[in-house]
Amino acid sequence: MVGKFSKFLKEVKLELKKVSWPSKNELIGATVVTFIFVAFLAIYIGVIDFLLSRLMTFLLK
């Protein structure tokens, strides 16, 4: 069991060496784009929720 786990960890280490990691600038750029997209989506959903809430309040009066 320990031998299989040790072999697995060695294979993981070899595979991680093959990975093409992003540069710091690419990582920061992707993070900024992600945050902007999430903020836009949150605002969009919030506005839709607010409008539908107002509509339901109006219709149920």
PDB file of N, CA and C in Angstrom:
ATOM      1  N   MET A   1       0.830  -1.191   0.000  1.00  0.00           N
ATOM      2  CA  MET A   1       0.000   0.000   0.000  1.00  0.00           C
ATOM      3  C   MET A   1       0.870   1.249   0.000  1.00  0.00           C
ATOM      4  N   VAL A   2       1.893   1.271   0.862  1.00  0.00           N
ATOM      5  CA  VAL A   2       2.784   2.428   0.936  1.00  0.00           C
ATOM      6  C   VAL A   2       3.571   2.566  -0.362  1.00  0.00           C
ATOM      7  N   GLY A   3       3.947   1.452  -0.953  1.00  0.00           N
ATOM      8  CA  GLY A   3       4.695   1.476  -2.210  1.00  0.00           C
ATOM      9  C   GLY A   3       3.886   2.078  -3.346  1.00  0.00           C
ATOM     10  N   LYS A   4       2.598   1.745  -3.411  1.00  0.00           N
ATOM     11  CA  LYS A   4       1.726   2.300  -4.449  1.00  0.00           C
ATOM     12  C   LYS A   4       1.561   3.800  -4.267  1.00  0.00           C
ATOM     13  N   PHE A   5       1.423   4.216  -3.012  1.00  0.00           N
ATOM     14  CA  PHE A   5       1.249   5.645  -2.730  1.00  0.00           C
ATOM     15  C   PHE A   5       2.519   6.416  -3.078  1.00  0.00           C
ATOM     16  N   SER A   6       3.667   5.844  -2.756  1.00  0.00           N
ATOM     17  CA  SER A   6       4.948   6.473  -3.078  1.00  0.00           C
ATOM     18  C   SER A   6       5.110   6.601  -4.592  1.00  0.00           C
ATOM     19  N   LYS A   7       4.740   5.554  -5.315  1.00  0.00           N
ATOM     20  CA  LYS A   7       4.814   5.589  -6.774  1.00  0.00           C
ATOM     21  C   LYS A   7       3.872   6.660  -7.326  1.00  0.00           C
ATOM     22  N   PHE A   8       2.688   6.736  -6.755  1.00  0.00           N
ATOM     23  CA  PHE A   8       1.718   7.744  -7.176  1.00  0.00           C
ATOM     24  C   PHE A   8       2.285   9.149  -6.998  1.00  0.00           C
ATOM     25  N   LEU A   9       2.895   9.417  -5.842  1.00  0.00           N
ATOM     26  CA  LEU A   9       3.460  10.745  -5.587  1.00  0.00           C
ATOM     27  C   LEU A   9       4.594  11.077  -6.557  1.00  0.00           C
ATOM     28  N   LYS A  10       5.408  10.095  -6.894  1.00  0.00           N
ATOM     29  CA  LYS A  10       6.487  10.316  -7.867  1.00  0.00           C
ATOM     30  C   LYS A  10       5.906  10.652  -9.240  1.00  0.00           C
ATOM     31  N   GLU A  11       4.844   9.955  -9.627  1.00  0.00           N
ATOM     32  CA  GLU A  11       4.206  10.226 -10.913  1.00  0.00           C
ATOM     33  C   GLU A  11       3.562  11.610 -10.928  1.00  0.00           C
ATOM     34  N   VAL A  12       2.981  11.998  -9.812  1.00  0.00           N
ATOM     35  CA  VAL A  12       2.393  13.337  -9.709  1.00  0.00           C
ATOM     36  C   VAL A  12       3.476  14.389  -9.886  1.00  0.00           C
ATOM     37  N   LYS A  13       4.609  14.188  -9.229  1.00  0.00           N
ATOM     38  CA  LYS A  13       5.726  15.134  -9.336  1.00  0.00           C
ATOM     39  C   LYS A  13       6.202  15.247 -10.789  1.00  0.00           C
ATOM     40  N   LEU A  14       6.291  14.129 -11.481  1.00  0.00           N
ATOM     41  CA  LEU A  14       6.706  14.153 -12.888  1.00  0.00           C
ATOM     42  C   LEU A  14       5.693  14.898 -13.756  1.00  0.00           C
ATOM     43  N   GLU A  15       4.421  14.674 -13.515  1.00  0.00           N
ATOM     44  CA  GLU A  15       3.384  15.350 -14.301  1.00  0.00           C
ATOM     45  C   GLU A  15       3.374  16.851 -14.036  1.00  0.00           C
ATOM     46  N   LEU A  16       3.606  17.244 -12.791  1.00  0.00           N
ATOM     47  CA  LEU A  16       3.617  18.672 -12.464  1.00  0.00           C
ATOM     48  C   LEU A  16       4.785  19.397 -13.131  1.00  0.00           C
ATOM     49  N   LYS A  17       5.865  18.680 -13.396  1.00  0.00           N
ATOM     50  CA  LYS A  17       6.993  19.292 -14.109  1.00  0.00           C
ATOM     51  C   LYS A  17       6.631  19.570 -15.567  1.00  0.00           C
ATOM     52  N   LYS A  18       5.679  18.827 -16.115  1.00  0.00           N
ATOM     53  CA  LYS A  18       5.268  18.995 -17.512  1.00  0.00           C
ATOM     54  C   LYS A  18       4.274  20.141 -17.704  1.00  0.00           C
ATOM     55  N   VAL A  19       3.700  20.612 -16.615  1.00  0.00           N
ATOM     56  CA  VAL A  19       2.656  21.637 -16.695  1.00  0.00           C
ATOM     57  C   VAL A  19       3.253  22.964 -17.137  1.00  0.00           C
ATOM     58  N   SER A  20       2.540  23.642 -18.016  1.00  0.00           N
ATOM     59  CA  SER A  20       2.938  24.980 -18.453  1.00  0.00           C
ATOM     60  C   SER A  20       2.227  25.989 -17.555  1.00  0.00           C
ATOM     61  N   TRP A  21       2.922  26.478 -16.538  1.00  0.00           N
ATOM     62  CA  TRP A  21       2.328  27.383 -15.567  1.00  0.00           C
ATOM     63  C   TRP A  21       2.253  28.788 -16.137  1.00  0.00           C
ATOM     64  N   PRO A  22       1.209  29.544 -15.814  1.00  0.00           N
ATOM     65  CA  PRO A  22       1.094  30.914 -16.325  1.00  0.00           C
ATOM     66  C   PRO A  22       2.105  31.834 -15.642  1.00  0.00           C
ATOM     67  N   SER A  23       2.470  32.890 -16.366  1.00  0.00           N
ATOM     68  CA  SER A  23       3.363  33.881 -15.766  1.00  0.00           C
ATOM     69  C   SER A  23       2.579  34.698 -14.743  1.00  0.00           C
ATOM     70  N   LYS A  24       3.306  35.492 -13.970  1.00  0.00           N
ATOM     71  CA  LYS A  24       2.650  36.311 -12.949  1.00  0.00           C
ATOM     72  C   LYS A  24       1.671  37.282 -13.596  1.00  0.00           C
ATOM     73  N   ASN A  25       2.073  37.900 -14.712  1.00  0.00           N
ATOM     74  CA  ASN A  25       1.192  38.854 -15.397  1.00  0.00           C
ATOM     75  C   ASN A  25      -0.057  38.177 -15.951  1.00  0.00           C
ATOM     76  N   GLU A  26       0.099  36.984 -16.517  1.00  0.00           N
ATOM     77  CA  GLU A  26      -1.060  36.246 -17.024  1.00  0.00           C
ATOM     78  C   GLU A  26      -2.014  35.889 -15.885  1.00  0.00           C
ATOM     79  N   LEU A  27      -1.451  35.484 -14.768  1.00  0.00           N
ATOM     80  CA  LEU A  27      -2.262  35.110 -13.613  1.00  0.00           C
ATOM     81  C   LEU A  27      -3.026  36.310 -13.069  1.00  0.00           C
ATOM     82  N   ILE A  28      -2.348  37.448 -12.956  1.00  0.00           N
ATOM     83  CA  ILE A  28      -3.007  38.663 -12.469  1.00  0.00           C
ATOM     84  C   ILE A  28      -4.100  39.094 -13.444  1.00  0.00           C
ATOM     85  N   GLY A  29      -3.804  39.052 -14.743  1.00  0.00           N
ATOM     86  CA  GLY A  29      -4.797  39.429 -15.752  1.00  0.00           C
ATOM     87  C   GLY A  29      -6.038  38.553 -15.696  1.00  0.00           C
ATOM     88  N   ALA A  30      -5.827  37.256 -15.593  1.00  0.00           N
ATOM     89  CA  ALA A  30      -6.963  36.332 -15.527  1.00  0.00           C
ATOM     90  C   ALA A  30      -7.765  36.549 -14.247  1.00  0.00           C
ATOM     91  N   THR A  31      -7.083  36.840 -13.154  1.00  0.00           N
ATOM     92  CA  THR A  31      -7.766  37.089 -11.886  1.00  0.00           C
ATOM     93  C   THR A  31      -8.613  38.348 -11.964  1.00  0.00           C
ATOM     94  N   VAL A  32      -8.064  39.405 -12.557  1.00  0.00           N
ATOM     95  CA  VAL A  32      -8.804  40.665 -12.696  1.00  0.00           C
ATOM     96  C   VAL A  32     -10.038  40.458 -13.565  1.00  0.00           C
ATOM     97  N   VAL A  33      -9.874  39.770 -14.681  1.00  0.00           N
ATOM     98  CA  VAL A  33     -11.012  39.499 -15.567  1.00  0.00           C
ATOM     99  C   VAL A  33     -12.080  38.702 -14.821  1.00  0.00           C
ATOM    100  N   THR A  34     -11.667  37.723 -14.046  1.00  0.00           N
ATOM    101  CA  THR A  34     -12.615  36.913 -13.283  1.00  0.00           C
ATOM    102  C   THR A  34     -13.375  37.761 -12.274  1.00  0.00           C
ATOM    103  N   PHE A  35     -12.660  38.617 -11.533  1.00  0.00           N
ATOM    104  CA  PHE A  35     -13.323  39.479 -10.548  1.00  0.00           C
ATOM    105  C   PHE A  35     -14.301  40.436 -11.212  1.00  0.00           C
ATOM    106  N   ILE A  36     -13.911  41.006 -12.346  1.00  0.00           N
ATOM    107  CA  ILE A  36     -14.803  41.931 -13.056  1.00  0.00           C
ATOM    108  C   ILE A  36     -16.054  41.196 -13.523  1.00  0.00           C
ATOM    109  N   PHE A  37     -15.880  40.008 -14.089  1.00  0.00           N
ATOM    110  CA  PHE A  37     -17.017  39.224 -14.562  1.00  0.00           C
ATOM    111  C   PHE A  37     -17.954  38.863 -13.411  1.00  0.00           C
ATOM    112  N   VAL A  38     -17.383  38.426 -12.293  1.00  0.00           N
ATOM    113  CA  VAL A  38     -18.207  38.049 -11.138  1.00  0.00           C
ATOM    114  C   VAL A  38     -18.953  39.264 -10.600  1.00  0.00           C
ATOM    115  N   ALA A  39     -18.284  40.421 -10.529  1.00  0.00           N
ATOM    116  CA  ALA A  39     -18.943  41.640 -10.046  1.00  0.00           C
ATOM    117  C   ALA A  39     -20.082  42.034 -10.983  1.00  0.00           C
ATOM    118  N   PHE A  40     -19.835  41.985 -12.298  1.00  0.00           N
ATOM    119  CA  PHE A  40     -20.871  42.313 -13.275  1.00  0.00           C
ATOM    120  C   PHE A  40     -22.059  41.368 -13.128  1.00  0.00           C
ATOM    121  N   LEU A  41     -21.781  40.091 -13.006  1.00  0.00           N
ATOM    122  CA  LEU A  41     -22.847  39.097 -12.871  1.00  0.00           C
ATOM    123  C   LEU A  41     -23.638  39.309 -11.582  1.00  0.00           C
ATOM    124  N   ALA A  42     -22.953  39.625 -10.489  1.00  0.00           N
ATOM    125  CA  ALA A  42     -23.637  39.867  -9.215  1.00  0.00           C
ATOM    126  C   ALA A  42     -24.543  41.091  -9.314  1.00  0.00           C
ATOM    127  N   ILE A  43     -24.056  42.156  -9.942  1.00  0.00           N
ATOM    128  CA  ILE A  43     -24.871  43.361 -10.112  1.00  0.00           C
ATOM    129  C   ILE A  43     -26.073  43.064 -11.001  1.00  0.00           C
ATOM    130  N   TYR A  44     -25.846  42.352 -12.095  1.00  0.00           N
ATOM    131  CA  TYR A  44     -26.923  41.997 -13.023  1.00  0.00           C
ATOM    132  C   TYR A  44     -28.009  41.189 -12.307  1.00  0.00           C
ATOM    133  N   ILE A  45     -27.599  40.163 -11.579  1.00  0.00           N
ATOM    134  CA  ILE A  45     -28.570  39.329 -10.869  1.00  0.00           C
ATOM    135  C   ILE A  45     -29.283  40.144  -9.793  1.00  0.00           C
ATOM    136  N   GLY A  46     -28.552  41.026  -9.113  1.00  0.00           N
ATOM    137  CA  GLY A  46     -29.166  41.877  -8.100  1.00  0.00           C
ATOM    138  C   GLY A  46     -30.220  42.798  -8.681  1.00  0.00           C
ATOM    139  N   VAL A  47     -29.929  43.395  -9.835  1.00  0.00           N
ATOM    140  CA  VAL A  47     -30.891  44.292 -10.488  1.00  0.00           C
ATOM    141  C   VAL A  47     -32.122  43.511 -10.935  1.00  0.00           C
ATOM    142  N   ILE A  48     -31.919  42.362 -11.555  1.00  0.00           N
ATOM    143  CA  ILE A  48     -33.047  41.532 -11.992  1.00  0.00           C
ATOM    144  C   ILE A  48     -33.889  41.119 -10.785  1.00  0.00           C
ATOM    145  N   ASP A  49     -33.250  40.719  -9.709  1.00  0.00           N
ATOM    146  CA  ASP A  49     -33.972  40.330  -8.495  1.00  0.00           C
ATOM    147  C   ASP A  49     -34.778  41.505  -7.951  1.00  0.00           C
ATOM    148  N   PHE A  50     -34.178  42.672  -7.908  1.00  0.00           N
ATOM    149  CA  PHE A  50     -34.869  43.863  -7.408  1.00  0.00           C
ATOM    150  C   PHE A  50     -36.084  44.188  -8.275  1.00  0.00           C
ATOM    151  N   LEU A  51     -35.894  44.153  -9.605  1.00  0.00           N
ATOM    152  CA  LEU A  51     -37.002  44.477 -10.509  1.00  0.00           C
ATOM    153  C   LEU A  51     -38.139  43.460 -10.401  1.00  0.00           C
ATOM    154  N   LEU A  52     -37.796  42.193 -10.334  1.00  0.00           N
ATOM    155  CA  LEU A  52     -38.834  41.170 -10.197  1.00  0.00           C
ATOM    156  C   LEU A  52     -39.545  41.284  -8.851  1.00  0.00           C
ATOM    157  N   SER A  53     -38.814  41.642  -7.819  1.00  0.00           N
ATOM    158  CA  SER A  53     -39.426  41.842  -6.507  1.00  0.00           C
ATOM    159  C   SER A  53     -40.419  42.997  -6.549  1.00  0.00           C
ATOM    160  N   ARG A  54     -40.023  44.093  -7.185  1.00  0.00           N
ATOM    161  CA  ARG A  54     -40.932  45.242  -7.326  1.00  0.00           C
ATOM    162  C   ARG A  54     -42.163  44.868  -8.141  1.00  0.00           C
ATOM    163  N   LEU A  55     -41.957  44.111  -9.230  1.00  0.00           N
ATOM    164  CA  LEU A  55     -43.063  43.687 -10.077  1.00  0.00           C
ATOM    165  C   LEU A  55     -44.041  42.820  -9.287  1.00  0.00           C
ATOM    166  N   MET A  56     -43.516  41.868  -8.519  1.00  0.00           N
ATOM    167  CA  MET A  56     -44.388  40.994  -7.727  1.00  0.00           C
ATOM    168  C   MET A  56     -45.148  41.800  -6.675  1.00  0.00           C
ATOM    169  N   THR A  57     -44.479  42.750  -6.045  1.00  0.00           N
ATOM    170  CA  THR A  57     -45.150  43.600  -5.055  1.00  0.00           C
ATOM    171  C   THR A  57     -46.275  44.387  -5.711  1.00  0.00           C
ATOM    172  N   PHE A  58     -46.011  44.933  -6.896  1.00  0.00           N
ATOM    173  CA  PHE A  58     -47.012  45.703  -7.632  1.00  0.00           C
ATOM    174  C   PHE A  58     -48.199  44.827  -8.021  1.00  0.00           C
ATOM    175  N   LEU A  59     -47.921  43.623  -8.519  1.00  0.00           N
ATOM    176  CA  LEU A  59     -48.984  42.731  -8.980  1.00  0.00           C
ATOM    177  C   LEU A  59     -49.823  42.176  -7.831  1.00  0.00           C
ATOM    178  N   LEU A  60     -49.237  42.013  -6.664  1.00  0.00           N
ATOM    179  CA  LEU A  60     -49.955  41.407  -5.547  1.00  0.00           C
ATOM    180  C   LEU A  60     -50.720  42.417  -4.703  1.00  0.00           C
ATOM    181  N   LYS A  61     -50.586  43.694  -4.979  1.00  0.00           N
ATOM    182  CA  LYS A  61     -51.333  44.711  -4.216  1.00  0.00           C
ATOM    183  C   LYS A  61     -52.772  44.766  -4.644  1.00  0.00           C
TER     184      LYS A  61
END
